[in-house]
Protein backbone atom coordinates (compact mmCIF):
# COMPACT_ATOMS: atom_id res chain seq x y z
CA UNK A 1 -6.74 5.06 -16.07
CA UNK A 2 -3.00 4.48 -16.15
CA UNK A 3 -1.19 1.65 -14.38
CA UNK A 4 2.49 2.39 -13.81
CA UNK A 5 4.42 -0.85 -13.51
CA UNK A 6 7.16 -2.98 -15.03
CA UNK A 7 7.66 -6.63 -15.81
CA UNK A 8 9.41 -7.32 -12.50
CA UNK A 9 7.08 -5.45 -10.15
CA UNK A 10 4.05 -6.44 -8.12
CA UNK A 11 2.06 -4.76 -10.85
CA UNK A 12 1.95 -8.22 -12.39
CA UNK A 13 -0.60 -9.11 -9.73
CA UNK A 14 -3.02 -6.53 -11.12
CA UNK A 15 -3.09 -7.93 -14.67
CA UNK A 16 -5.34 -10.93 -13.86
CA UNK A 17 -7.76 -8.60 -12.08
CA UNK A 18 -7.97 -6.36 -15.16
CA UNK A 19 -8.82 -9.45 -17.21
CA UNK A 20 -11.41 -10.69 -14.73
CA UNK A 21 -13.06 -7.26 -14.56
CA UNK A 22 -12.92 -7.01 -18.38
CA UNK A 23 -11.35 -3.54 -18.25
CA UNK A 24 -8.03 -4.14 -20.01
CA UNK A 25 -9.02 -1.66 -22.71
CA UNK A 26 -9.72 1.02 -20.08
CA UNK A 27 -6.25 0.94 -18.51
CA UNK A 28 -3.05 2.17 -20.16
CA UNK A 29 -0.06 0.14 -18.98
CA UNK A 30 2.93 2.47 -18.48
CA UNK A 31 6.22 0.57 -18.23
CA UNK A 32 8.70 2.32 -15.93
CA UNK A 33 12.27 1.21 -15.36
CA UNK A 34 13.23 1.04 -11.68
CA UNK A 35 16.20 3.31 -12.39
CA UNK A 36 13.80 6.10 -13.38
CA UNK A 37 11.54 6.00 -10.32
CA UNK A 38 13.54 8.69 -8.52
CA UNK A 39 12.96 11.19 -11.29
CA UNK A 40 10.79 14.16 -10.22
CA UNK A 41 7.89 13.24 -12.51
CA UNK A 42 7.49 9.84 -10.83
CA UNK A 43 8.26 11.00 -7.29
CA UNK A 44 5.47 13.54 -7.68
CA UNK A 45 3.08 10.65 -8.27
CA UNK A 46 4.52 8.21 -5.73
CA UNK A 47 7.08 9.62 -3.27
CA UNK A 48 7.85 6.04 -2.19
CA UNK A 49 9.48 5.47 -5.61
CA UNK A 50 7.74 2.11 -5.87
CA UNK A 51 5.64 0.25 -8.40
CA UNK A 52 2.84 -0.32 -9.12
CA UNK A 53 0.56 2.67 -8.79
CA UNK A 54 -2.66 3.55 -10.57
CA UNK A 55 -3.76 7.01 -11.69
CA UNK A 56 -7.46 7.62 -12.24
CA UNK A 57 -8.69 11.13 -13.04
CA UNK A 58 -5.86 12.72 -11.09
CA UNK A 59 -6.10 10.42 -8.08
CA UNK A 60 -3.03 8.29 -7.37
CA UNK A 61 -3.56 4.88 -5.80
CA UNK A 62 -0.39 3.17 -4.63
CA UNK A 63 0.01 -0.03 -2.58
CA UNK A 64 -1.13 -3.12 -4.45
CA UNK A 65 -4.04 -4.15 -2.17
CA UNK A 66 -5.39 -0.60 -2.39
CA UNK A 67 -5.35 -0.90 -6.19
CA UNK A 68 -7.16 -4.24 -5.92
CA UNK A 69 -9.79 -2.84 -3.55
CA UNK A 70 -10.25 0.32 -5.61
CA UNK A 71 -10.77 -1.46 -8.92
CA UNK A 72 -13.01 -4.15 -7.45
CA UNK A 73 -15.19 -1.42 -5.89
CA UNK A 74 -15.14 0.81 -8.97
CA UNK A 75 -16.55 -2.11 -10.97
CA UNK A 76 -18.58 -3.59 -8.13
CA UNK A 77 -21.17 -4.91 -10.59
CA UNK A 78 -18.58 -7.50 -11.69
CA UNK A 79 -18.89 -9.19 -8.31
CA UNK A 80 -15.20 -9.20 -7.33
CA UNK A 81 -15.81 -7.46 -4.02
CA UNK A 82 -18.66 -7.75 -1.51
CA UNK A 83 -20.85 -4.67 -1.24
CA UNK A 84 -20.40 -2.27 1.68
CA UNK A 85 -23.31 -3.77 3.63
CA UNK A 86 -22.32 -7.39 3.04
CA UNK A 87 -20.90 -9.04 6.21
CA UNK A 88 -18.44 -10.91 4.00
CA UNK A 89 -16.75 -7.62 3.15
CA UNK A 90 -14.92 -7.81 6.47
CA UNK A 91 -13.51 -11.22 5.55
CA UNK A 92 -12.59 -9.92 2.11
CA UNK A 93 -10.65 -6.99 3.59
CA UNK A 94 -9.06 -9.32 6.15
CA UNK A 95 -7.41 -11.32 3.37
CA UNK A 96 -6.18 -8.24 1.49
CA UNK A 97 -4.65 -6.82 4.68
CA UNK A 98 -3.23 -10.19 5.76
CA UNK A 99 -1.43 -10.68 2.45
CA UNK A 100 0.01 -7.17 2.41
CA UNK A 101 0.81 -7.20 6.13
CA UNK A 102 1.69 -10.36 8.07
CA UNK A 103 2.30 -12.58 5.04
CA UNK A 104 4.54 -10.08 3.24
CA UNK A 105 6.46 -9.35 6.44
CA UNK A 106 6.95 -13.08 7.04
CA UNK A 107 8.24 -13.60 3.49
CA UNK A 108 10.65 -10.66 3.82
CA UNK A 109 11.99 -11.96 7.14
CA UNK A 110 12.49 -15.42 5.66
CA UNK A 111 14.21 -14.02 2.57
CA UNK A 112 16.62 -12.04 4.76
CA UNK A 113 17.67 -15.22 6.53
CA UNK A 114 16.60 -14.11 10.01
CA UNK A 115 17.06 -17.04 12.36
CA UNK A 116 14.20 -18.88 14.05
CA UNK A 117 15.68 -17.82 17.40
CA UNK A 118 15.53 -14.13 16.48
CA UNK A 119 11.97 -14.50 15.19
CA UNK A 120 10.94 -16.22 18.40
CA UNK A 121 12.57 -13.49 20.48
CA UNK A 122 10.77 -10.69 18.60
CA UNK A 123 7.52 -12.51 17.81
CA UNK A 124 5.33 -10.13 19.87
CA UNK A 125 6.48 -7.16 17.79
CA UNK A 126 6.15 -8.94 14.45
CA UNK A 127 2.88 -8.69 12.54
CA UNK A 128 3.01 -12.37 11.58
CA UNK A 129 3.93 -13.68 15.03
CA UNK A 130 5.42 -17.06 14.15
CA UNK A 131 5.89 -19.16 11.03
CA UNK A 132 3.41 -21.68 12.37
CA UNK A 133 0.73 -19.04 12.91
CA UNK A 134 1.06 -17.85 9.30
CA UNK A 135 0.56 -21.36 7.94
CA UNK A 136 -2.25 -22.04 10.40
CA UNK A 137 -4.10 -18.88 9.33
CA UNK A 138 -3.90 -19.77 5.62
CA UNK A 139 -4.71 -23.44 6.19
CA UNK A 140 -7.75 -22.51 8.27
CA UNK A 141 -9.01 -20.06 5.66
CA UNK A 142 -8.53 -22.46 2.76
CA UNK A 143 -10.08 -25.25 4.80
CA UNK A 144 -13.26 -23.16 5.08
CA UNK A 145 -13.19 -22.03 1.44
CA UNK A 146 -16.24 -23.14 -0.53
CA UNK A 147 -14.48 -23.28 -2.94
CA UNK A 148 -13.24 -19.66 -2.81
CA UNK A 149 -12.40 -17.66 0.31
CA UNK A 150 -15.84 -16.03 0.47
CA UNK A 151 -17.94 -18.85 -0.94
CA UNK A 152 -18.92 -19.89 -4.42
CA UNK A 153 -17.70 -16.74 -6.21
CA UNK A 154 -14.13 -15.66 -6.77
CA UNK A 155 -13.11 -12.26 -5.41
CA UNK A 156 -10.12 -9.95 -5.73
CA UNK A 157 -8.90 -11.41 -2.43
CA UNK A 158 -8.58 -14.87 -4.00
CA UNK A 159 -6.40 -13.50 -6.80
CA UNK A 160 -4.25 -11.59 -4.32
CA UNK A 161 -3.72 -14.57 -2.03
CA UNK A 162 -2.99 -16.84 -5.00
CA UNK A 163 -0.26 -14.47 -6.17
CA UNK A 164 1.51 -14.40 -2.81
CA UNK A 165 1.30 -18.15 -2.33
CA UNK A 166 2.57 -18.91 -5.83
CA UNK A 167 5.37 -16.36 -5.48
CA UNK A 168 6.45 -17.67 -2.07
CA UNK A 169 6.31 -21.30 -3.15
CA UNK A 170 8.16 -20.73 -6.43
CA UNK A 171 11.02 -19.00 -4.60
CA UNK A 172 11.01 -21.68 -1.88
CA UNK A 173 10.10 -19.22 0.85
CA UNK A 174 7.19 -21.42 1.95
CA UNK A 175 6.53 -25.10 1.21
CA UNK A 176 3.83 -26.18 -1.23
CA UNK A 177 1.57 -27.61 1.46
CA UNK A 178 -1.19 -30.04 0.48
CA UNK A 179 -3.80 -27.62 1.83
CA UNK A 180 -2.66 -24.98 -0.67
CA UNK A 181 -2.84 -27.13 -3.79
CA UNK A 182 -6.62 -27.30 -4.54
CA UNK A 183 -6.97 -23.52 -4.17
CA UNK A 184 -3.95 -22.67 -6.31
CA UNK A 185 -4.84 -25.19 -9.01
CA UNK A 186 -8.41 -23.88 -9.13
CA UNK A 187 -7.20 -20.32 -9.73
CA UNK A 188 -4.67 -21.52 -12.33
CA UNK A 189 -7.46 -23.12 -14.36
CA UNK A 190 -9.44 -19.91 -14.81
CA UNK A 191 -9.64 -18.97 -18.49
CA UNK A 192 -8.62 -15.37 -17.83
CA UNK A 193 -5.28 -16.28 -16.25
CA UNK A 194 -4.04 -19.11 -18.46
CA UNK A 195 -1.65 -16.74 -20.27
CA UNK A 196 -0.42 -15.00 -17.09
CA UNK A 197 3.08 -16.45 -16.71
CA UNK A 198 3.55 -15.99 -12.97
CA UNK A 199 0.32 -17.83 -12.14
CA UNK A 200 1.64 -20.93 -13.91
CA UNK A 201 5.06 -20.84 -12.18
CA UNK A 202 4.36 -23.89 -10.02
């Protein structure tokens, strides 16, 4: 497998998962400069000209949550994704889609400086709805975590949510709410991520 990424892309989110799955030696990390992404060889792999994307035996997997889901399923015996017939798989997918959908949209809107009045006016057409609903969703999920989102075992969804929360907090897009702290600190203490710089940003 080959993971196309660079030091400033969301490909950084995949590195802890490779460590947790113990497959670092099975994935070649291909560093690509953003300036080169519009070259034909890369556009042929990902017409969106974005990073990261994973290539496995000719199949190209772009979109970070898809990479997470693919790898966790490919190495399902590692326990980082519920099996297909496990009811918790729905919850697991919910968190992957929430992070890549409503949460990412909310962070982008905040970063662009869109006013609260404009957000309120367009809330029905926005995936995240309102700022309060985003926080309420995360607070509710972490309030039910035991200690991870799906119970007593960490999953790829925990790593993905931790990335987005740490990123958003470190860039002051969202506040470091008390409800976030136990979850983030728990992930930060995992042996496999102690040398992952972005996880230790806050």
